[in-house]
Protein backbone atom coordinates (compact mmCIF):
# COMPACT_ATOMS: atom_id res chain seq x y z
CA MET A 1 0.00 0.00 0.00
CA ARG A 2 1.25 3.47 -0.85
CA THR A 3 0.27 6.79 0.67
CA LEU A 4 -0.57 10.01 -1.13
CA GLU A 5 -0.91 13.21 0.85
CA THR A 6 -2.43 16.16 -0.98
CA ASP A 7 -4.86 18.99 -0.47
CA ALA A 8 -8.32 18.49 -1.91
CA GLU A 9 -11.52 20.44 -2.36
CA ILE A 10 -14.83 18.78 -1.51
CA LEU A 11 -17.49 19.98 -3.93
CA ARG A 12 -21.22 20.35 -3.23
CA ASP A 13 -22.08 17.41 -5.51
CA GLY A 14 -20.00 15.13 -3.26
CA SER A 15 -17.04 14.83 -5.60
CA VAL A 16 -13.48 15.50 -4.51
CA LYS A 17 -11.07 17.61 -6.56
CA LEU A 18 -7.37 17.07 -5.89
CA LEU A 19 -5.48 20.35 -5.83
CA SER A 20 -2.09 19.05 -6.90
CA PRO A 21 -0.91 16.86 -9.77
CA LEU A 22 -0.99 13.10 -9.31
CA PRO A 23 2.33 11.28 -8.97
CA ASP A 24 3.47 9.04 -11.83
CA TRP A 25 3.02 5.87 -9.79
CA LEU A 26 -0.73 6.46 -9.32
CA LYS A 27 -2.67 4.63 -12.02
CA PRO A 28 -6.27 5.47 -13.04
CA GLY A 29 -8.94 3.38 -11.35
CA ARG A 30 -10.67 2.99 -8.04
CA ALA A 31 -8.94 3.78 -4.76
CA HIS A 32 -9.80 3.56 -1.09
CA VAL A 33 -9.61 7.12 0.25
CA TRP A 34 -9.39 8.46 3.80
CA LEU A 35 -10.25 12.13 4.28
CA LEU A 36 -8.78 13.95 7.26
CA LEU A 37 -10.47 17.30 7.67
CA ASP A 38 -8.55 20.11 9.30
CA CYS A 39 -11.46 22.05 10.75
CA THR A 40 -9.21 24.40 12.71
CA LYS A 41 -8.76 26.51 9.58
CA GLU A 42 -12.50 27.32 9.41
CA THR A 43 -13.38 27.43 13.11
CA GLY A 44 -10.35 29.29 14.34
CA GLY A 45 -8.93 26.55 16.53
CA THR A 46 -10.29 24.82 19.58
CA PRO A 47 -13.94 23.78 19.94
CA ARG A 48 -16.20 26.24 21.71
CA ALA A 49 -18.31 25.52 24.77
CA GLY A 50 -21.64 24.09 23.69
CA SER A 51 -20.38 22.93 20.30
CA LEU A 52 -21.66 19.39 21.04
CA LYS A 53 -25.17 20.59 21.92
CA GLY A 54 -27.62 17.84 21.01
CA PHE A 55 -24.92 15.15 20.94
CA ARG A 56 -25.96 11.99 22.78
CA MET A 57 -24.02 8.82 23.52
CA ALA A 58 -25.71 5.54 22.62
CA ALA A 59 -27.64 4.03 25.54
CA ASP A 60 -25.46 0.92 25.43
CA PHE A 61 -22.14 2.79 25.14
CA ASP A 62 -20.69 1.30 28.36
CA GLU A 63 -21.95 -2.24 27.71
CA PRO A 64 -19.33 -4.93 27.01
CA LEU A 65 -18.78 -5.66 23.33
CA GLU A 66 -19.70 -9.14 22.13
CA ASP A 67 -16.43 -9.30 20.15
CA PHE A 68 -14.40 -9.05 23.38
CA LYS A 69 -16.51 -11.40 25.49
CA GLU A 70 -13.90 -14.18 25.48
CA TYR A 71 -11.11 -11.73 26.31
CA MET A 72 -13.01 -10.23 29.25
CA GLU A 73 -13.66 -13.60 30.97
């Protein structure tokens, strides 16, 4: 697996426009893409008090996970 780091613009139609040329090793086709959004540029830095208003944890958040049942015994 290779890694490509570049700036991109997310358009209203849901498409992503890369803002720099592609390297020679990248061939046309499908790719699995991770987007890391740097929100500090728009918001001015740290989150403000009340920015999670309306956010709720799932009722079963603290319940043991079935996948780890054997490990927890």
